[in-house]
Amino acid sequence: MLRHDHAPMDPTALIITLRMEDSAAEHFTRLRQAHFPAHRNWLDAHVTLFHALPVTALDEVLADVADLAGRTEAFALAVDRVLFLGGGVAYAMTSETGLALRDALVVRWTPLLGRQDRAWHGPLHVTVQNKVESAVARQLHAELAREFVPHAVQATGLQVWYYVGGPWEHVATFPFAEPGAAANAPAPSPASRSSAAS
């Protein structure tokens, strides 16, 4: 586990993301830097699992994330289409393991979930543009969709962040288990999820 023990002055929520392999994270971050409004782009590319957990639950969240990461091996995220978000563009990702992992945390964290996290139905995605006019987003979507080739990237761990009024501050990273070392990993979820979250 990699953890920063320093807490910012006024974190308002905890965010949980999937960590992508470095090459994929760098690729999507370059796209984000090219197309996200600069005055709103405080972040590298990311795959959000939970948007707003209470800061008061930090110890519980860290313990649960550490436990689940230690029982999960790195897995593939199938990047299978380009999504038009209305005011932005994202790449949709499909992974039964990723959804099962989130479902396992939902069971543990039901009392902690706010409206956005309770209502989430997927798909997993990485946003490369947001907060722009619809016409601008539609143009980028057409460009990216035209050259898109489905591919897979690796999910290598879970990360916990403080939300600090826009920017995020890293709290901890929990790498997934080495191949063959994971036990009792969450079972794939049969549920189908098709609508994009912001």
N, C-alpha and C. Protein backbone atom coordinates (compact mmCIF):
# COMPACT_ATOMS: atom_id res chain seq x y z
N MET A 1 0.84 -1.19 0.00
CA MET A 1 0.00 0.00 0.00
C MET A 1 0.87 1.24 0.00
N LEU A 2 0.51 2.21 -0.81
CA LEU A 2 1.15 3.51 -0.79
C LEU A 2 0.16 4.49 -0.19
N ARG A 3 0.58 5.18 0.88
CA ARG A 3 -0.36 6.07 1.56
C ARG A 3 0.31 7.38 1.91
N HIS A 4 -0.43 8.48 1.75
CA HIS A 4 -0.01 9.79 2.21
C HIS A 4 -0.79 10.09 3.48
N ASP A 5 -0.12 10.25 4.60
CA ASP A 5 -0.82 10.46 5.86
C ASP A 5 -1.24 11.91 6.07
N HIS A 6 -0.69 12.83 5.28
CA HIS A 6 -1.09 14.22 5.39
C HIS A 6 -2.48 14.41 4.82
N ALA A 7 -3.38 15.01 5.58
CA ALA A 7 -4.73 15.29 5.09
C ALA A 7 -4.84 16.78 4.76
N PRO A 8 -5.56 17.13 3.69
CA PRO A 8 -5.76 18.54 3.36
C PRO A 8 -6.62 19.21 4.42
N MET A 9 -6.70 20.52 4.36
CA MET A 9 -7.42 21.28 5.38
C MET A 9 -8.91 20.94 5.42
N ASP A 10 -9.55 20.91 4.26
CA ASP A 10 -11.00 20.75 4.25
C ASP A 10 -11.48 19.77 3.19
N PRO A 11 -11.11 18.49 3.29
CA PRO A 11 -11.66 17.53 2.33
C PRO A 11 -13.16 17.36 2.57
N THR A 12 -13.92 17.28 1.50
CA THR A 12 -15.37 17.17 1.65
C THR A 12 -15.91 15.78 1.33
N ALA A 13 -15.09 14.93 0.73
CA ALA A 13 -15.55 13.58 0.38
C ALA A 13 -14.36 12.70 0.06
N LEU A 14 -14.62 11.39 0.02
CA LEU A 14 -13.64 10.42 -0.45
C LEU A 14 -14.08 9.89 -1.80
N ILE A 15 -13.12 9.68 -2.69
CA ILE A 15 -13.37 9.16 -4.03
C ILE A 15 -12.57 7.87 -4.18
N ILE A 16 -13.17 6.86 -4.80
CA ILE A 16 -12.49 5.59 -5.05
C ILE A 16 -12.37 5.39 -6.55
N THR A 17 -11.17 5.10 -7.02
CA THR A 17 -10.96 4.86 -8.45
C THR A 17 -10.22 3.55 -8.67
N LEU A 18 -10.39 3.03 -9.89
CA LEU A 18 -9.54 1.94 -10.36
C LEU A 18 -8.24 2.53 -10.87
N ARG A 19 -7.14 1.92 -10.50
CA ARG A 19 -5.85 2.34 -11.05
C ARG A 19 -5.60 1.58 -12.35
N MET A 20 -5.27 2.31 -13.41
CA MET A 20 -4.93 1.69 -14.68
C MET A 20 -3.42 1.50 -14.80
N GLU A 21 -3.01 0.56 -15.65
CA GLU A 21 -1.59 0.42 -15.96
C GLU A 21 -1.06 1.76 -16.47
N ASP A 22 0.24 2.00 -16.24
CA ASP A 22 0.81 3.32 -16.51
C ASP A 22 0.62 3.76 -17.95
N SER A 23 0.84 2.88 -18.91
CA SER A 23 0.75 3.29 -20.32
C SER A 23 -0.66 3.75 -20.67
N ALA A 24 -1.68 3.07 -20.15
CA ALA A 24 -3.06 3.46 -20.42
C ALA A 24 -3.40 4.77 -19.73
N ALA A 25 -2.99 4.91 -18.47
CA ALA A 25 -3.25 6.14 -17.73
C ALA A 25 -2.62 7.34 -18.43
N GLU A 26 -1.40 7.16 -18.92
CA GLU A 26 -0.71 8.25 -19.61
C GLU A 26 -1.40 8.60 -20.92
N HIS A 27 -1.85 7.58 -21.65
CA HIS A 27 -2.54 7.81 -22.92
C HIS A 27 -3.83 8.61 -22.71
N PHE A 28 -4.66 8.17 -21.78
CA PHE A 28 -5.92 8.86 -21.55
C PHE A 28 -5.71 10.25 -20.94
N THR A 29 -4.66 10.40 -20.14
CA THR A 29 -4.36 11.71 -19.58
C THR A 29 -3.95 12.69 -20.68
N ARG A 30 -3.20 12.23 -21.66
CA ARG A 30 -2.84 13.10 -22.79
C ARG A 30 -4.10 13.56 -23.53
N LEU A 31 -5.04 12.64 -23.75
CA LEU A 31 -6.29 13.02 -24.39
C LEU A 31 -7.06 14.02 -23.54
N ARG A 32 -7.08 13.80 -22.26
CA ARG A 32 -7.78 14.71 -21.35
C ARG A 32 -7.13 16.09 -21.39
N GLN A 33 -5.82 16.15 -21.36
CA GLN A 33 -5.13 17.43 -21.41
C GLN A 33 -5.39 18.16 -22.72
N ALA A 34 -5.57 17.41 -23.80
CA ALA A 34 -5.81 18.02 -25.10
C ALA A 34 -7.23 18.55 -25.25
N HIS A 35 -8.20 17.93 -24.57
CA HIS A 35 -9.60 18.23 -24.88
C HIS A 35 -10.43 18.74 -23.70
N PHE A 36 -9.93 18.64 -22.49
CA PHE A 36 -10.68 19.11 -21.33
C PHE A 36 -10.42 20.61 -21.16
N PRO A 37 -11.42 21.42 -20.81
CA PRO A 37 -11.16 22.84 -20.57
C PRO A 37 -10.04 23.01 -19.53
N ALA A 38 -9.00 23.76 -19.89
CA ALA A 38 -7.81 23.85 -19.05
C ALA A 38 -8.13 24.37 -17.65
N HIS A 39 -9.07 25.31 -17.54
CA HIS A 39 -9.36 25.91 -16.24
C HIS A 39 -10.14 24.97 -15.33
N ARG A 40 -10.60 23.83 -15.88
CA ARG A 40 -11.31 22.84 -15.08
C ARG A 40 -10.55 21.53 -14.94
N ASN A 41 -9.42 21.43 -15.58
CA ASN A 41 -8.71 20.15 -15.64
C ASN A 41 -7.65 20.07 -14.54
N TRP A 42 -8.07 19.65 -13.36
CA TRP A 42 -7.17 19.51 -12.23
C TRP A 42 -6.64 18.09 -12.08
N LEU A 43 -7.12 17.16 -12.91
CA LEU A 43 -6.90 15.74 -12.64
C LEU A 43 -6.28 15.02 -13.81
N ASP A 44 -5.61 13.91 -13.51
CA ASP A 44 -5.24 12.96 -14.55
C ASP A 44 -6.46 12.09 -14.88
N ALA A 45 -6.38 11.35 -15.97
CA ALA A 45 -7.47 10.46 -16.35
C ALA A 45 -7.70 9.41 -15.26
N HIS A 46 -8.95 9.01 -15.07
CA HIS A 46 -9.28 8.10 -13.98
C HIS A 46 -10.57 7.35 -14.29
N VAL A 47 -10.75 6.21 -13.62
CA VAL A 47 -11.97 5.41 -13.71
C VAL A 47 -12.60 5.41 -12.32
N THR A 48 -13.64 6.19 -12.15
CA THR A 48 -14.25 6.37 -10.83
C THR A 48 -15.22 5.23 -10.51
N LEU A 49 -15.06 4.66 -9.31
CA LEU A 49 -16.01 3.66 -8.81
C LEU A 49 -17.02 4.28 -7.85
N PHE A 50 -16.55 5.19 -6.99
CA PHE A 50 -17.42 5.88 -6.03
C PHE A 50 -17.04 7.35 -6.02
N HIS A 51 -18.07 8.20 -6.07
CA HIS A 51 -17.84 9.63 -6.25
C HIS A 51 -17.77 10.42 -4.95
N ALA A 52 -18.44 9.97 -3.89
CA ALA A 52 -18.53 10.82 -2.70
C ALA A 52 -18.88 10.00 -1.47
N LEU A 53 -17.87 9.43 -0.84
CA LEU A 53 -18.05 8.76 0.44
C LEU A 53 -17.67 9.72 1.56
N PRO A 54 -18.27 9.58 2.74
CA PRO A 54 -17.98 10.54 3.82
C PRO A 54 -16.55 10.42 4.33
N VAL A 55 -15.92 11.56 4.54
CA VAL A 55 -14.55 11.60 5.05
C VAL A 55 -14.47 10.95 6.43
N THR A 56 -15.53 11.03 7.20
CA THR A 56 -15.53 10.45 8.54
C THR A 56 -15.39 8.93 8.52
N ALA A 57 -15.63 8.32 7.36
CA ALA A 57 -15.52 6.85 7.23
C ALA A 57 -14.17 6.43 6.68
N LEU A 58 -13.17 7.30 6.72
CA LEU A 58 -11.88 7.01 6.09
C LEU A 58 -11.28 5.69 6.55
N ASP A 59 -11.22 5.44 7.84
CA ASP A 59 -10.59 4.21 8.33
C ASP A 59 -11.32 2.97 7.82
N GLU A 60 -12.64 3.00 7.85
CA GLU A 60 -13.43 1.88 7.34
C GLU A 60 -13.20 1.68 5.85
N VAL A 61 -13.19 2.77 5.11
CA VAL A 61 -12.99 2.70 3.65
C VAL A 61 -11.62 2.12 3.33
N LEU A 62 -10.59 2.61 4.00
CA LEU A 62 -9.24 2.11 3.74
C LEU A 62 -9.13 0.62 4.05
N ALA A 63 -9.73 0.19 5.16
CA ALA A 63 -9.66 -1.22 5.53
C ALA A 63 -10.37 -2.10 4.50
N ASP A 64 -11.53 -1.66 4.05
CA ASP A 64 -12.29 -2.45 3.08
C ASP A 64 -11.59 -2.49 1.72
N VAL A 65 -11.05 -1.36 1.29
CA VAL A 65 -10.35 -1.32 0.00
C VAL A 65 -9.10 -2.19 0.05
N ALA A 66 -8.36 -2.12 1.16
CA ALA A 66 -7.17 -2.95 1.31
C ALA A 66 -7.52 -4.43 1.26
N ASP A 67 -8.60 -4.81 1.95
CA ASP A 67 -9.01 -6.21 1.98
C ASP A 67 -9.39 -6.70 0.58
N LEU A 68 -10.19 -5.92 -0.13
CA LEU A 68 -10.66 -6.36 -1.44
C LEU A 68 -9.54 -6.36 -2.47
N ALA A 69 -8.68 -5.36 -2.43
CA ALA A 69 -7.55 -5.33 -3.37
C ALA A 69 -6.64 -6.53 -3.17
N GLY A 70 -6.45 -6.92 -1.91
CA GLY A 70 -5.60 -8.06 -1.61
C GLY A 70 -6.17 -9.39 -2.06
N ARG A 71 -7.46 -9.42 -2.37
CA ARG A 71 -8.12 -10.65 -2.83
C ARG A 71 -8.49 -10.60 -4.31
N THR A 72 -7.95 -9.62 -5.02
CA THR A 72 -8.27 -9.44 -6.44
C THR A 72 -6.99 -9.35 -7.25
N GLU A 73 -6.88 -10.13 -8.31
CA GLU A 73 -5.74 -10.02 -9.21
C GLU A 73 -6.02 -8.96 -10.27
N ALA A 74 -4.95 -8.39 -10.83
CA ALA A 74 -5.10 -7.44 -11.94
C ALA A 74 -5.98 -8.06 -13.02
N PHE A 75 -6.81 -7.23 -13.64
CA PHE A 75 -7.75 -7.75 -14.64
C PHE A 75 -7.87 -6.77 -15.80
N ALA A 76 -8.43 -7.28 -16.89
CA ALA A 76 -8.55 -6.49 -18.11
C ALA A 76 -9.83 -5.66 -18.10
N LEU A 77 -9.69 -4.42 -18.58
CA LEU A 77 -10.83 -3.57 -18.88
C LEU A 77 -10.93 -3.48 -20.40
N ALA A 78 -12.02 -3.93 -20.96
CA ALA A 78 -12.21 -3.88 -22.42
C ALA A 78 -12.72 -2.49 -22.79
N VAL A 79 -11.88 -1.71 -23.44
CA VAL A 79 -12.27 -0.38 -23.91
C VAL A 79 -13.01 -0.60 -25.22
N ASP A 80 -14.36 -0.49 -25.18
CA ASP A 80 -15.13 -1.00 -26.32
C ASP A 80 -15.91 0.03 -27.12
N ARG A 81 -15.99 1.27 -26.66
CA ARG A 81 -16.68 2.28 -27.46
C ARG A 81 -16.41 3.68 -26.92
N VAL A 82 -16.70 4.66 -27.76
CA VAL A 82 -16.57 6.06 -27.37
C VAL A 82 -17.97 6.57 -27.02
N LEU A 83 -18.10 7.20 -25.86
CA LEU A 83 -19.40 7.67 -25.38
C LEU A 83 -19.54 9.17 -25.58
N PHE A 84 -20.69 9.60 -26.06
CA PHE A 84 -21.06 11.01 -26.09
C PHE A 84 -21.83 11.31 -24.80
N LEU A 85 -21.34 12.25 -24.01
CA LEU A 85 -21.93 12.53 -22.70
C LEU A 85 -22.82 13.77 -22.69
N GLY A 86 -23.07 14.34 -23.86
CA GLY A 86 -23.85 15.56 -23.91
C GLY A 86 -22.95 16.78 -23.86
N GLY A 87 -22.19 16.91 -22.77
CA GLY A 87 -21.23 17.99 -22.63
C GLY A 87 -19.81 17.50 -22.59
N GLY A 88 -19.58 16.30 -23.09
CA GLY A 88 -18.23 15.74 -23.05
C GLY A 88 -18.16 14.40 -23.74
N VAL A 89 -17.00 13.76 -23.61
CA VAL A 89 -16.73 12.49 -24.28
C VAL A 89 -15.96 11.58 -23.33
N ALA A 90 -16.27 10.30 -23.37
CA ALA A 90 -15.57 9.32 -22.54
C ALA A 90 -15.38 8.03 -23.33
N TYR A 91 -14.49 7.18 -22.83
CA TYR A 91 -14.32 5.83 -23.36
C TYR A 91 -14.97 4.86 -22.39
N ALA A 92 -15.90 4.06 -22.89
CA ALA A 92 -16.58 3.06 -22.06
C ALA A 92 -15.72 1.83 -21.92
N MET A 93 -15.79 1.22 -20.74
CA MET A 93 -15.00 0.03 -20.44
C MET A 93 -15.91 -1.06 -19.89
N THR A 94 -15.67 -2.28 -20.32
CA THR A 94 -16.45 -3.43 -19.86
C THR A 94 -15.56 -4.37 -19.07
N SER A 95 -16.01 -4.76 -17.88
CA SER A 95 -15.28 -5.74 -17.08
C SER A 95 -16.21 -6.33 -16.03
N GLU A 96 -16.50 -7.61 -16.13
CA GLU A 96 -17.32 -8.26 -15.11
C GLU A 96 -16.63 -8.21 -13.76
N THR A 97 -15.30 -8.37 -13.76
CA THR A 97 -14.57 -8.33 -12.50
C THR A 97 -14.66 -6.95 -11.87
N GLY A 98 -14.51 -5.91 -12.69
CA GLY A 98 -14.61 -4.56 -12.16
C GLY A 98 -15.96 -4.26 -11.56
N LEU A 99 -17.03 -4.69 -12.23
CA LEU A 99 -18.37 -4.47 -11.70
C LEU A 99 -18.62 -5.29 -10.45
N ALA A 100 -18.11 -6.52 -10.42
CA ALA A 100 -18.28 -7.36 -9.23
C ALA A 100 -17.54 -6.76 -8.04
N LEU A 101 -16.38 -6.18 -8.31
CA LEU A 101 -15.61 -5.54 -7.25
C LEU A 101 -16.40 -4.36 -6.68
N ARG A 102 -16.96 -3.55 -7.56
CA ARG A 102 -17.76 -2.43 -7.08
C ARG A 102 -18.97 -2.92 -6.29
N ASP A 103 -19.65 -3.95 -6.81
CA ASP A 103 -20.82 -4.49 -6.11
C ASP A 103 -20.46 -4.98 -4.71
N ALA A 104 -19.29 -5.59 -4.57
CA ALA A 104 -18.86 -6.07 -3.25
C ALA A 104 -18.68 -4.91 -2.28
N LEU A 105 -18.18 -3.78 -2.78
CA LEU A 105 -18.02 -2.61 -1.92
C LEU A 105 -19.37 -1.95 -1.62
N VAL A 106 -20.29 -1.98 -2.57
CA VAL A 106 -21.62 -1.44 -2.32
C VAL A 106 -22.28 -2.16 -1.15
N VAL A 107 -22.13 -3.48 -1.11
CA VAL A 107 -22.72 -4.25 -0.01
C VAL A 107 -22.16 -3.78 1.33
N ARG A 108 -20.86 -3.53 1.37
CA ARG A 108 -20.23 -3.10 2.62
C ARG A 108 -20.59 -1.66 2.97
N TRP A 109 -20.77 -0.84 1.97
CA TRP A 109 -20.87 0.60 2.19
C TRP A 109 -22.27 1.18 2.00
N THR A 110 -23.28 0.35 1.92
CA THR A 110 -24.63 0.87 1.66
C THR A 110 -25.00 2.05 2.54
N PRO A 111 -24.72 2.04 3.85
CA PRO A 111 -25.09 3.19 4.68
C PRO A 111 -24.29 4.46 4.36
N LEU A 112 -23.17 4.30 3.65
CA LEU A 112 -22.30 5.45 3.37
C LEU A 112 -22.61 6.12 2.04
N LEU A 113 -23.41 5.47 1.20
CA LEU A 113 -23.57 5.93 -0.18
C LEU A 113 -24.53 7.10 -0.29
N GLY A 114 -24.11 8.11 -1.04
CA GLY A 114 -24.98 9.22 -1.38
C GLY A 114 -25.80 8.89 -2.62
N ARG A 115 -26.61 9.86 -3.04
CA ARG A 115 -27.54 9.62 -4.15
C ARG A 115 -26.82 9.22 -5.44
N GLN A 116 -25.73 9.90 -5.78
CA GLN A 116 -25.05 9.60 -7.04
C GLN A 116 -24.49 8.19 -7.04
N ASP A 117 -23.88 7.78 -5.94
CA ASP A 117 -23.30 6.44 -5.89
C ASP A 117 -24.36 5.35 -5.79
N ARG A 118 -25.48 5.64 -5.14
CA ARG A 118 -26.58 4.66 -5.09
C ARG A 118 -27.20 4.48 -6.47
N ALA A 119 -27.28 5.55 -7.25
CA ALA A 119 -27.97 5.50 -8.54
C ALA A 119 -27.08 5.02 -9.68
N TRP A 120 -25.80 4.85 -9.43
CA TRP A 120 -24.85 4.51 -10.51
C TRP A 120 -25.20 3.18 -11.15
N HIS A 121 -25.24 3.17 -12.48
CA HIS A 121 -25.49 1.93 -13.22
C HIS A 121 -24.48 1.70 -14.33
N GLY A 122 -23.37 2.44 -14.34
CA GLY A 122 -22.32 2.23 -15.31
C GLY A 122 -22.60 2.92 -16.63
N PRO A 123 -21.77 2.62 -17.61
CA PRO A 123 -20.64 1.69 -17.56
C PRO A 123 -19.42 2.32 -16.90
N LEU A 124 -18.44 1.48 -16.57
CA LEU A 124 -17.14 2.00 -16.21
C LEU A 124 -16.65 2.84 -17.38
N HIS A 125 -15.99 3.95 -17.10
CA HIS A 125 -15.54 4.80 -18.20
C HIS A 125 -14.44 5.74 -17.72
N VAL A 126 -13.71 6.26 -18.70
CA VAL A 126 -12.70 7.28 -18.44
C VAL A 126 -13.06 8.49 -19.29
N THR A 127 -13.27 9.62 -18.64
CA THR A 127 -13.70 10.84 -19.32
C THR A 127 -12.49 11.61 -19.82
N VAL A 128 -12.54 12.01 -21.10
CA VAL A 128 -11.43 12.79 -21.67
C VAL A 128 -11.87 14.21 -22.03
N GLN A 129 -13.17 14.48 -21.92
CA GLN A 129 -13.67 15.84 -22.14
C GLN A 129 -14.97 15.98 -21.37
N ASN A 130 -15.16 17.17 -20.74
CA ASN A 130 -16.41 17.44 -20.03
C ASN A 130 -16.56 18.94 -19.88
N LYS A 131 -17.76 19.38 -19.53
CA LYS A 131 -18.05 20.79 -19.27
C LYS A 131 -17.81 21.66 -20.50
N VAL A 132 -18.18 21.16 -21.68
CA VAL A 132 -18.07 21.95 -22.90
C VAL A 132 -19.44 22.01 -23.57
N GLU A 133 -19.56 22.87 -24.58
CA GLU A 133 -20.81 22.96 -25.35
C GLU A 133 -21.06 21.64 -26.08
N SER A 134 -22.33 21.31 -26.23
CA SER A 134 -22.69 20.05 -26.86
C SER A 134 -22.10 19.90 -28.25
N ALA A 135 -22.08 20.98 -29.02
CA ALA A 135 -21.55 20.90 -30.39
C ALA A 135 -20.06 20.57 -30.39
N VAL A 136 -19.34 21.11 -29.42
CA VAL A 136 -17.90 20.83 -29.30
C VAL A 136 -17.69 19.37 -28.94
N ALA A 137 -18.47 18.88 -27.99
CA ALA A 137 -18.36 17.47 -27.58
C ALA A 137 -18.75 16.54 -28.72
N ARG A 138 -19.78 16.90 -29.46
CA ARG A 138 -20.22 16.04 -30.56
C ARG A 138 -19.15 15.94 -31.64
N GLN A 139 -18.46 17.04 -31.89
CA GLN A 139 -17.39 17.03 -32.89
C GLN A 139 -16.25 16.12 -32.46
N LEU A 140 -15.83 16.24 -31.18
CA LEU A 140 -14.76 15.38 -30.69
C LEU A 140 -15.19 13.92 -30.70
N HIS A 141 -16.43 13.66 -30.29
CA HIS A 141 -16.92 12.29 -30.29
C HIS A 141 -16.82 11.68 -31.69
N ALA A 142 -17.21 12.44 -32.69
CA ALA A 142 -17.15 11.94 -34.06
C ALA A 142 -15.71 11.65 -34.47
N GLU A 143 -14.78 12.54 -34.09
CA GLU A 143 -13.38 12.35 -34.44
C GLU A 143 -12.80 11.10 -33.77
N LEU A 144 -13.05 10.96 -32.46
CA LEU A 144 -12.49 9.83 -31.73
C LEU A 144 -13.15 8.52 -32.14
N ALA A 145 -14.45 8.55 -32.39
CA ALA A 145 -15.15 7.33 -32.80
C ALA A 145 -14.67 6.85 -34.17
N ARG A 146 -14.34 7.80 -35.04
CA ARG A 146 -13.91 7.44 -36.39
C ARG A 146 -12.60 6.66 -36.37
N GLU A 147 -11.72 6.99 -35.45
CA GLU A 147 -10.41 6.34 -35.41
C GLU A 147 -10.30 5.29 -34.32
N PHE A 148 -11.41 5.03 -33.62
CA PHE A 148 -11.36 4.13 -32.46
C PHE A 148 -11.18 2.68 -32.87
N VAL A 149 -10.33 1.99 -32.13
CA VAL A 149 -10.12 0.55 -32.27
C VAL A 149 -10.30 -0.07 -30.88
N PRO A 150 -11.24 -0.99 -30.70
CA PRO A 150 -11.40 -1.62 -29.38
C PRO A 150 -10.09 -2.25 -28.91
N HIS A 151 -9.84 -2.14 -27.61
CA HIS A 151 -8.62 -2.69 -27.05
C HIS A 151 -8.84 -2.92 -25.56
N ALA A 152 -7.85 -3.49 -24.92
CA ALA A 152 -7.94 -3.77 -23.48
C ALA A 152 -6.80 -3.08 -22.75
N VAL A 153 -7.10 -2.65 -21.53
CA VAL A 153 -6.08 -2.11 -20.64
C VAL A 153 -6.19 -2.86 -19.31
N GLN A 154 -5.14 -2.82 -18.53
CA GLN A 154 -5.14 -3.54 -17.26
C GLN A 154 -5.52 -2.62 -16.10
N ALA A 155 -6.39 -3.12 -15.24
CA ALA A 155 -6.64 -2.49 -13.94
C ALA A 155 -5.68 -3.11 -12.94
N THR A 156 -4.89 -2.29 -12.27
CA THR A 156 -3.81 -2.80 -11.43
C THR A 156 -3.98 -2.54 -9.94
N GLY A 157 -5.05 -1.85 -9.56
CA GLY A 157 -5.23 -1.58 -8.15
C GLY A 157 -6.41 -0.65 -7.90
N LEU A 158 -6.57 -0.29 -6.64
CA LEU A 158 -7.60 0.65 -6.21
C LEU A 158 -6.92 1.85 -5.56
N GLN A 159 -7.52 3.02 -5.74
CA GLN A 159 -6.96 4.24 -5.16
C GLN A 159 -8.05 5.00 -4.41
N VAL A 160 -7.63 5.63 -3.32
CA VAL A 160 -8.52 6.44 -2.49
C VAL A 160 -8.01 7.88 -2.55
N TRP A 161 -8.94 8.81 -2.70
CA TRP A 161 -8.61 10.22 -2.84
C TRP A 161 -9.49 11.07 -1.93
N TYR A 162 -8.95 12.21 -1.49
CA TYR A 162 -9.77 13.26 -0.91
C TYR A 162 -10.28 14.16 -2.03
N TYR A 163 -11.55 14.53 -1.98
CA TYR A 163 -12.06 15.58 -2.85
C TYR A 163 -11.92 16.89 -2.10
N VAL A 164 -11.28 17.87 -2.74
CA VAL A 164 -11.00 19.15 -2.08
C VAL A 164 -11.54 20.29 -2.94
N GLY A 165 -12.85 20.33 -3.12
CA GLY A 165 -13.47 21.43 -3.82
C GLY A 165 -13.11 21.55 -5.28
N GLY A 166 -12.80 20.46 -5.93
CA GLY A 166 -12.38 20.47 -7.33
C GLY A 166 -11.19 19.55 -7.51
N PRO A 167 -10.01 19.98 -7.05
CA PRO A 167 -8.84 19.07 -7.09
C PRO A 167 -9.04 17.88 -6.17
N TRP A 168 -8.28 16.82 -6.44
CA TRP A 168 -8.23 15.66 -5.56
C TRP A 168 -6.85 15.59 -4.93
N GLU A 169 -6.78 14.99 -3.75
CA GLU A 169 -5.49 14.72 -3.12
C GLU A 169 -5.40 13.23 -2.81
N HIS A 170 -4.29 12.63 -3.21
CA HIS A 170 -4.11 11.19 -3.05
C HIS A 170 -4.06 10.81 -1.57
N VAL A 171 -4.78 9.77 -1.21
CA VAL A 171 -4.74 9.22 0.14
C VAL A 171 -3.95 7.92 0.17
N ALA A 172 -4.32 6.97 -0.68
CA ALA A 172 -3.65 5.66 -0.66
C ALA A 172 -3.89 4.92 -1.96
N THR A 173 -2.92 4.08 -2.30
CA THR A 173 -3.03 3.17 -3.44
C THR A 173 -2.85 1.74 -2.94
N PHE A 174 -3.74 0.86 -3.37
CA PHE A 174 -3.70 -0.55 -2.98
C PHE A 174 -3.56 -1.40 -4.24
N PRO A 175 -2.35 -1.87 -4.55
CA PRO A 175 -2.18 -2.72 -5.73
C PRO A 175 -2.96 -4.02 -5.58
N PHE A 176 -3.41 -4.55 -6.70
CA PHE A 176 -4.05 -5.85 -6.68
C PHE A 176 -3.02 -6.94 -6.40
N ALA A 177 -3.51 -8.12 -6.01
CA ALA A 177 -2.63 -9.22 -5.62
C ALA A 177 -1.84 -9.74 -6.82
N GLU A 178 -0.69 -10.32 -6.54
CA GLU A 178 0.09 -10.98 -7.57
C GLU A 178 -0.68 -12.19 -8.10
N PRO A 179 -0.48 -12.56 -9.37
CA PRO A 179 -1.19 -13.72 -9.93
C PRO A 179 -1.00 -14.96 -9.06
N GLY A 180 -2.11 -15.62 -8.74
CA GLY A 180 -2.07 -16.82 -7.93
C GLY A 180 -2.13 -16.57 -6.44
N ALA A 181 -2.02 -15.29 -6.04
CA ALA A 181 -2.00 -14.98 -4.61
C ALA A 181 -3.36 -14.59 -4.07
N ALA A 182 -4.28 -14.21 -4.94
CA ALA A 182 -5.59 -13.77 -4.48
C ALA A 182 -6.46 -14.95 -4.11
N ALA A 183 -7.28 -14.75 -3.08
CA ALA A 183 -8.22 -15.78 -2.65
C ALA A 183 -9.58 -15.15 -2.39
N ASN A 184 -10.63 -15.89 -2.72
CA ASN A 184 -11.99 -15.43 -2.45
C ASN A 184 -12.30 -14.09 -3.09
N ALA A 185 -11.87 -13.90 -4.33
CA ALA A 185 -12.17 -12.67 -5.05
C ALA A 185 -13.67 -12.57 -5.30
N PRO A 186 -14.21 -11.35 -5.45
CA PRO A 186 -15.64 -11.21 -5.70
C PRO A 186 -16.04 -11.89 -7.00
N ALA A 187 -17.19 -12.54 -7.00
CA ALA A 187 -17.67 -13.24 -8.20
C ALA A 187 -18.19 -12.23 -9.21
N PRO A 188 -18.06 -12.53 -10.51
CA PRO A 188 -18.60 -11.64 -11.53
C PRO A 188 -20.09 -11.39 -11.31
N SER A 189 -20.50 -10.15 -11.55
CA SER A 189 -21.90 -9.79 -11.37
C SER A 189 -22.69 -10.08 -12.63
N PRO A 190 -23.87 -10.67 -12.51
CA PRO A 190 -24.69 -10.93 -13.69
C PRO A 190 -25.45 -9.70 -14.16
N ALA A 191 -25.46 -8.64 -13.36
CA ALA A 191 -26.27 -7.47 -13.69
C ALA A 191 -25.72 -6.76 -14.91
N SER A 192 -26.60 -6.25 -15.72
CA SER A 192 -26.22 -5.48 -16.91
C SER A 192 -26.30 -4.01 -16.60
N ARG A 193 -25.27 -3.25 -17.01
CA ARG A 193 -25.24 -1.82 -16.77
C ARG A 193 -24.93 -1.14 -18.09
N SER A 194 -25.76 -0.18 -18.48
CA SER A 194 -25.57 0.38 -19.81
C SER A 194 -25.59 1.90 -19.87
N SER A 195 -26.01 2.60 -18.81
CA SER A 195 -26.09 4.05 -18.90
C SER A 195 -24.87 4.68 -18.26
N ALA A 196 -24.35 5.74 -18.89
CA ALA A 196 -23.11 6.36 -18.43
C ALA A 196 -23.37 7.25 -17.23
N ALA A 197 -22.40 7.25 -16.29
CA ALA A 197 -22.42 8.19 -15.18
C ALA A 197 -21.51 9.35 -15.52
N SER A 198 -21.72 10.48 -14.87
CA SER A 198 -20.90 11.66 -15.17
C SER A 198 -19.50 11.48 -14.64
